[in-house]
Structures are given as C-alpha cells and as structure tokens.
C-alpha atoms as a PDB file:
ATOM      1  CA  MET A   1       0.000   0.000   0.000  1.00  0.00           C
ATOM      2  CA  THR A   2       1.298   3.465  -0.857  1.00  0.00           C
ATOM      3  CA  VAL A   3       1.337   6.436   1.506  1.00  0.00           C
ATOM      4  CA  VAL A   4      -1.433   8.124  -0.504  1.00  0.00           C
ATOM      5  CA  ASP A   5      -3.582   4.970  -0.345  1.00  0.00           C
ATOM      6  CA  ALA A   6      -3.023   4.732   3.424  1.00  0.00           C
ATOM      7  CA  LEU A   7      -3.890   8.430   3.887  1.00  0.00           C
ATOM      8  CA  THR A   8      -7.072   7.974   1.870  1.00  0.00           C
ATOM      9  CA  GLN A   9      -8.107   4.924   3.894  1.00  0.00           C
ATOM     10  CA  LEU A  10      -7.279   6.669   7.187  1.00  0.00           C
ATOM     11  CA  GLY A  11      -9.238   9.772   6.170  1.00  0.00           C
ATOM     12  CA  THR A  12     -12.273   7.717   5.166  1.00  0.00           C
ATOM     13  CA  VAL A  13     -12.314   5.869   8.488  1.00  0.00           C
ATOM     14  CA  ALA A  14     -11.784   9.115  10.419  1.00  0.00           C
ATOM     15  CA  GLN A  15     -14.545  10.914   8.539  1.00  0.00           C
ATOM     16  CA  ALA A  16     -17.105   8.323   9.578  1.00  0.00           C
ATOM     17  CA  ALA A  17     -16.001   8.589  13.211  1.00  0.00           C
ATOM     18  CA  THR A  18     -15.894  12.392  13.411  1.00  0.00           C
ATOM     19  CA  THR A  19     -19.148  13.242  11.601  1.00  0.00           C
ATOM     20  CA  SER A  20     -21.050  13.304  14.902  1.00  0.00           C
ATOM     21  CA  LEU A  21     -18.615  15.985  16.147  1.00  0.00           C
ATOM     22  CA  GLY A  22     -19.694  18.385  13.414  1.00  0.00           C
ATOM     23  CA  VAL A  23     -16.466  18.169  11.422  1.00  0.00           C
ATOM     24  CA  ARG A  24     -17.283  19.976   8.178  1.00  0.00           C
ATOM     25  CA  ALA A  25     -14.008  19.507   6.293  1.00  0.00           C
ATOM     26  CA  ASN A  26     -12.041  16.262   6.320  1.00  0.00           C
ATOM     27  CA  LEU A  27      -9.081  16.777   4.018  1.00  0.00           C
ATOM     28  CA  ILE A  28      -6.531  14.216   2.911  1.00  0.00           C
ATOM     29  CA  PHE A  29      -3.346  15.475   1.296  1.00  0.00           C
ATOM     30  CA  ALA A  30       0.239  14.430   0.778  1.00  0.00           C
ATOM     31  CA  SER A  31       0.789  18.201   0.870  1.00  0.00           C
ATOM     32  CA  PRO A  32      -1.768  20.289   2.811  1.00  0.00           C
ATOM     33  CA  PRO A  33      -3.852  22.976   1.066  1.00  0.00           C
ATOM     34  CA  ASP A  34      -3.229  26.704   1.431  1.00  0.00           C
ATOM     35  CA  GLN A  35      -6.803  27.571   2.439  1.00  0.00           C
ATOM     36  CA  LEU A  36      -9.481  25.814   4.473  1.00  0.00           C
ATOM     37  CA  ALA A  37     -13.072  26.157   3.307  1.00  0.00           C
ATOM     38  CA  ALA A  38     -15.006  25.160   6.449  1.00  0.00           C
ATOM     39  CA  PHE A  39     -14.542  24.685  10.190  1.00  0.00           C
ATOM     40  CA  PRO A  40     -14.020  22.628  12.193  1.00  0.00           C
ATOM     41  CA  ALA A  41     -11.564  20.978   9.838  1.00  0.00           C
ATOM     42  CA  VAL A  42      -9.313  17.942   9.942  1.00  0.00           C
ATOM     43  CA  VAL A  43      -6.238  17.838   7.718  1.00  0.00           C
ATOM     44  CA  HIS A  44      -4.340  14.557   7.239  1.00  0.00           C
ATOM     45  CA  HIS A  45      -0.941  14.951   5.643  1.00  0.00           C
ATOM     46  CA  TRP A  46       2.162  12.851   5.178  1.00  0.00           C
ATOM     47  CA  THR A  47       5.357  14.328   6.608  1.00  0.00           C
ATOM     48  CA  SER A  48       8.033  11.670   6.163  1.00  0.00           C
ATOM     49  CA  SER A  49       8.867   8.004   5.698  1.00  0.00           C
ATOM     50  CA  THR A  50      11.663   5.821   6.970  1.00  0.00           C
ATOM     51  CA  PHE A  51      12.721   2.518   5.428  1.00  0.00           C
ATOM     52  CA  ASP A  52      14.123  -0.568   7.078  1.00  0.00           C
ATOM     53  CA  GLN A  53      14.858  -4.130   6.068  1.00  0.00           C
ATOM     54  CA  TYR A  54      14.468  -5.586   9.582  1.00  0.00           C
ATOM     55  CA  PRO A  55      11.709  -3.921  11.642  1.00  0.00           C
ATOM     56  CA  TYR A  56      10.969  -5.159  15.149  1.00  0.00           C
ATOM     57  CA  GLY A  57      13.334  -8.146  14.974  1.00  0.00           C
ATOM     58  CA  GLN A  58      11.625  -9.722  11.967  1.00  0.00           C
ATOM     59  CA  VAL A  59      13.271 -11.108   8.857  1.00  0.00           C
ATOM     60  CA  PRO A  60      11.928  -9.822   5.530  1.00  0.00           C
ATOM     61  CA  THR A  61      10.626 -12.339   3.057  1.00  0.00           C
ATOM     62  CA  GLY A  62       9.907  -9.814   0.311  1.00  0.00           C
ATOM     63  CA  SER A  63       9.604  -6.077  -0.081  1.00  0.00           C
ATOM     64  CA  GLN A  64      11.174  -3.325   1.966  1.00  0.00           C
ATOM     65  CA  PHE A  65       9.412  -2.027   5.069  1.00  0.00           C
ATOM     66  CA  GLU A  66       8.169   1.589   5.093  1.00  0.00           C
ATOM     67  CA  GLN A  67       7.021   3.505   8.144  1.00  0.00           C
ATOM     68  CA  ALA A  68       5.170   6.718   7.324  1.00  0.00           C
ATOM     69  CA  THR A  69       4.620   9.596   9.729  1.00  0.00           C
ATOM     70  CA  VAL A  70       1.297  11.390   9.311  1.00  0.00           C
ATOM     71  CA  LEU A  71       0.164  14.588  11.015  1.00  0.00           C
ATOM     72  CA  VAL A  72      -3.521  14.990  11.728  1.00  0.00           C
ATOM     73  CA  THR A  73      -4.413  18.603  12.451  1.00  0.00           C
ATOM     74  CA  TYR A  74      -7.799  19.523  13.915  1.00  0.00           C
ATOM     75  CA  LEU A  75      -8.666  23.214  13.594  1.00  0.00           C
ATOM     76  CA  THR A  76     -11.599  25.140  15.000  1.00  0.00           C
ATOM     77  CA  ASN A  77     -12.738  28.694  14.373  1.00  0.00           C
ATOM     78  CA  LEU A  78     -13.362  29.277  18.073  1.00  0.00           C
ATOM     79  CA  ALA A  79     -11.484  32.267  19.449  1.00  0.00           C
ATOM     80  CA  THR A  80      -9.950  30.895  22.646  1.00  0.00           C
ATOM     81  CA  ILE A  81      -8.639  27.645  24.049  1.00  0.00           C
ATOM     82  CA  ALA A  82     -11.186  27.911  26.862  1.00  0.00           C
ATOM     83  CA  ARG A  83     -14.081  27.990  24.365  1.00  0.00           C
ATOM     84  CA  ALA A  84     -12.641  25.210  22.166  1.00  0.00           C
ATOM     85  CA  HIS A  85     -11.217  22.911  24.845  1.00  0.00           C
ATOM     86  CA  SER A  86     -14.158  20.497  25.155  1.00  0.00           C
ATOM     87  CA  ALA A  87     -14.579  20.227  21.348  1.00  0.00           C
ATOM     88  CA  VAL A  88     -10.858  19.534  20.917  1.00  0.00           C
ATOM     89  CA  LEU A  89     -10.853  16.890  23.648  1.00  0.00           C
ATOM     90  CA  ASP A  90     -13.925  15.247  22.070  1.00  0.00           C
ATOM     91  CA  PHE A  91     -12.070  15.110  18.750  1.00  0.00           C
ATOM     92  CA  ILE A  92      -8.964  13.542  20.326  1.00  0.00           C
ATOM     93  CA  ASP A  93     -11.106  10.934  22.115  1.00  0.00           C
ATOM     94  CA  ALA A  94     -12.991  10.117  18.893  1.00  0.00           C
ATOM     95  CA  TYR A  95      -9.764   9.843  16.914  1.00  0.00           C
ATOM     96  CA  ARG A  96      -8.169   7.601  19.552  1.00  0.00           C
ATOM     97  CA  ALA A  97     -11.211   5.335  19.271  1.00  0.00           C
ATOM     98  CA  VAL A  98     -10.829   5.293  15.465  1.00  0.00           C
ATOM     99  CA  ILE A  99      -7.209   4.167  15.772  1.00  0.00           C
ATOM    100  CA  ALA A 100      -8.058   1.544  18.412  1.00  0.00           C
ATOM    101  CA  GLY A 101     -10.831   0.141  16.234  1.00  0.00           C
ATOM    102  CA  HIS A 102      -8.911   0.192  12.951  1.00  0.00           C
ATOM    103  CA  GLN A 103      -5.341  -0.797  13.872  1.00  0.00           C
ATOM    104  CA  ASN A 104      -4.617  -2.180  10.404  1.00  0.00           C
ATOM    105  CA  LEU A 105      -7.077  -0.124   8.286  1.00  0.00           C
ATOM    106  CA  GLY A 106      -8.979  -3.151   7.070  1.00  0.00           C
ATOM    107  CA  ASP A 107      -5.875  -5.342   6.629  1.00  0.00           C
ATOM    108  CA  ASN A 108      -4.199  -2.756   4.389  1.00  0.00           C
ATOM    109  CA  VAL A 109      -1.344  -1.787   6.721  1.00  0.00           C
ATOM    110  CA  ARG A 110       0.495  -3.615   9.467  1.00  0.00           C
ATOM    111  CA  GLN A 111      -0.349  -1.113  12.206  1.00  0.00           C
ATOM    112  CA  VAL A 112      -1.391   2.474  12.901  1.00  0.00           C
ATOM    113  CA  ARG A 113      -0.101   4.035  16.119  1.00  0.00           C
ATOM    114  CA  LEU A 114      -1.012   7.352  17.725  1.00  0.00           C
ATOM    115  CA  THR A 115       2.336   8.524  19.092  1.00  0.00           C
ATOM    116  CA  ARG A 116       1.594  12.114  20.167  1.00  0.00           C
ATOM    117  CA  ALA A 117      -1.325  14.495  20.768  1.00  0.00           C
ATOM    118  CA  SER A 118      -1.188  18.175  21.692  1.00  0.00           C
ATOM    119  CA  ILE A 119      -3.846  20.825  22.275  1.00  0.00           C
ATOM    120  CA  GLY A 120      -3.386  24.535  21.787  1.00  0.00           C
ATOM    121  CA  MET A 121      -2.867  27.194  19.189  1.00  0.00           C
ATOM    122  CA  GLN A 122      -2.056  25.605  15.830  1.00  0.00           C
ATOM    123  CA  ASP A 123      -0.353  27.569  13.088  1.00  0.00           C
ATOM    124  CA  TYR A 124      -1.811  26.748   9.692  1.00  0.00           C
ATOM    125  CA  ASN A 125      -0.462  28.619   6.690  1.00  0.00           C
ATOM    126  CA  GLY A 126       0.395  31.681   8.763  1.00  0.00           C
ATOM    127  CA  ASN A 127      -2.923  31.797  10.628  1.00  0.00           C
ATOM    128  CA  GLU A 128      -3.482  30.781  14.243  1.00  0.00           C
ATOM    129  CA  TYR A 129      -6.331  28.413  15.112  1.00  0.00           C
ATOM    130  CA  VAL A 130      -7.307  26.650  18.305  1.00  0.00           C
ATOM    131  CA  GLY A 131      -7.090  22.919  17.814  1.00  0.00           C
ATOM    132  CA  ALA A 132      -5.042  19.778  18.167  1.00  0.00           C
ATOM    133  CA  GLU A 133      -2.199  18.055  16.388  1.00  0.00           C
ATOM    134  CA  LEU A 134      -1.880  14.284  16.393  1.00  0.00           C
ATOM    135  CA  THR A 135       1.127  12.342  15.155  1.00  0.00           C
ATOM    136  CA  LEU A 136       0.531   8.875  13.719  1.00  0.00           C
ATOM    137  CA  GLU A 137       2.943   6.209  12.534  1.00  0.00           C
ATOM    138  CA  LEU A 138       1.772   3.781   9.851  1.00  0.00           C
ATOM    139  CA  ASP A 139       3.649   0.569   9.099  1.00  0.00           C
ATOM    140  CA  LEU A 140       3.024   0.156   5.369  1.00  0.00           C
ATOM    141  CA  TYR A 141       3.351  -3.556   4.849  1.00  0.00           C
ATOM    142  CA  HIS A 142       0.941  -6.418   5.292  1.00  0.00           C
ATOM    143  CA  ALA A 143       1.558  -8.725   8.243  1.00  0.00           C
ATOM    144  CA  THR A 144       1.837 -11.820   6.035  1.00  0.00           C
ATOM    145  CA  ALA A 145       4.776 -10.319   4.097  1.00  0.00           C
ATOM    146  CA  TRP A 146       7.103 -11.051   7.062  1.00  0.00           C
ATOM    147  CA  VAL A 147       8.052 -14.053   9.191  1.00  0.00           C
ATOM    148  CA  GLU A 148       9.369 -14.079  12.723  1.00  0.00           C
ATOM    149  CA  ALA A 149      13.141 -14.452  13.090  1.00  0.00           C
END
C-alpha cells in the first residue's frame, strides 16, 4: 500500500467517526492545502517516511518495510482555548477510538499508532487556530509479508 492509499483509507475511516462531532471539512493530502473552506476541519498529511529491512526483529521475506509519519491537524474557528477545549478533547477521544478500532485499516497496513497528541494554538499557513495536532505512525506492509526471526 502506498502512503497516498493509506492516507485515503485513514481519512475515510476518520470521517465516519468524526461526523457526529460536526467536522465539516475532512481533508486528505500528501501536501496540505493553502486555504481551508469550512470549520471545524481535519487535515491529514504525510510528513516523512523511513525505510528498514528488519523492523521489530523480523526477517523480511519480500519487499522493503516503510514507516510513514502522518500529522492529523484539527482546527476550529473558536477564538480561545477555553471555548474550544471540550470540542478539541472530544475530537482527540474520537480519533483515539478510530485508531483503536482500525489498527490495520482493514488489513491494508500492518499497524497504525497514535504517538503524540497536543492541544493549543495551531499555526496553519500563517494563521493561528485553536485545535489539536496528532502524530501517527503507519507501518506500510501487510503482516503476512514477514516471518518471525
């Protein structure tokens, strides 16, 4: 699975889980857009990949292992952290539940891990928004492509 395919799958799963929170824009980009059309908004974007032949003590039986880092940015149009705090926490809880319930994105990736979450003022294209930033790691290989050492 490619990074773009994984982002698309992740965004689709996240959209279903965050609809009840009133998320109006769920955007999936390898490179984020300059402008946002609606709020609250979620932007998924790839930041980097690392490659390894021997992840987690396993021996490869085929293709190279890729681990992609994805930033998920949640932005509100609320003026202060105090006003947005409960909405941002609800989003983080909903997204954590998405990751817990879709660890391998329907058998398309080995694993998705939420490695960091922060709440506060988020800079997006030179503008400040109240929101959250989540960091995810995606192991982009299928579990059956590897055997234990």
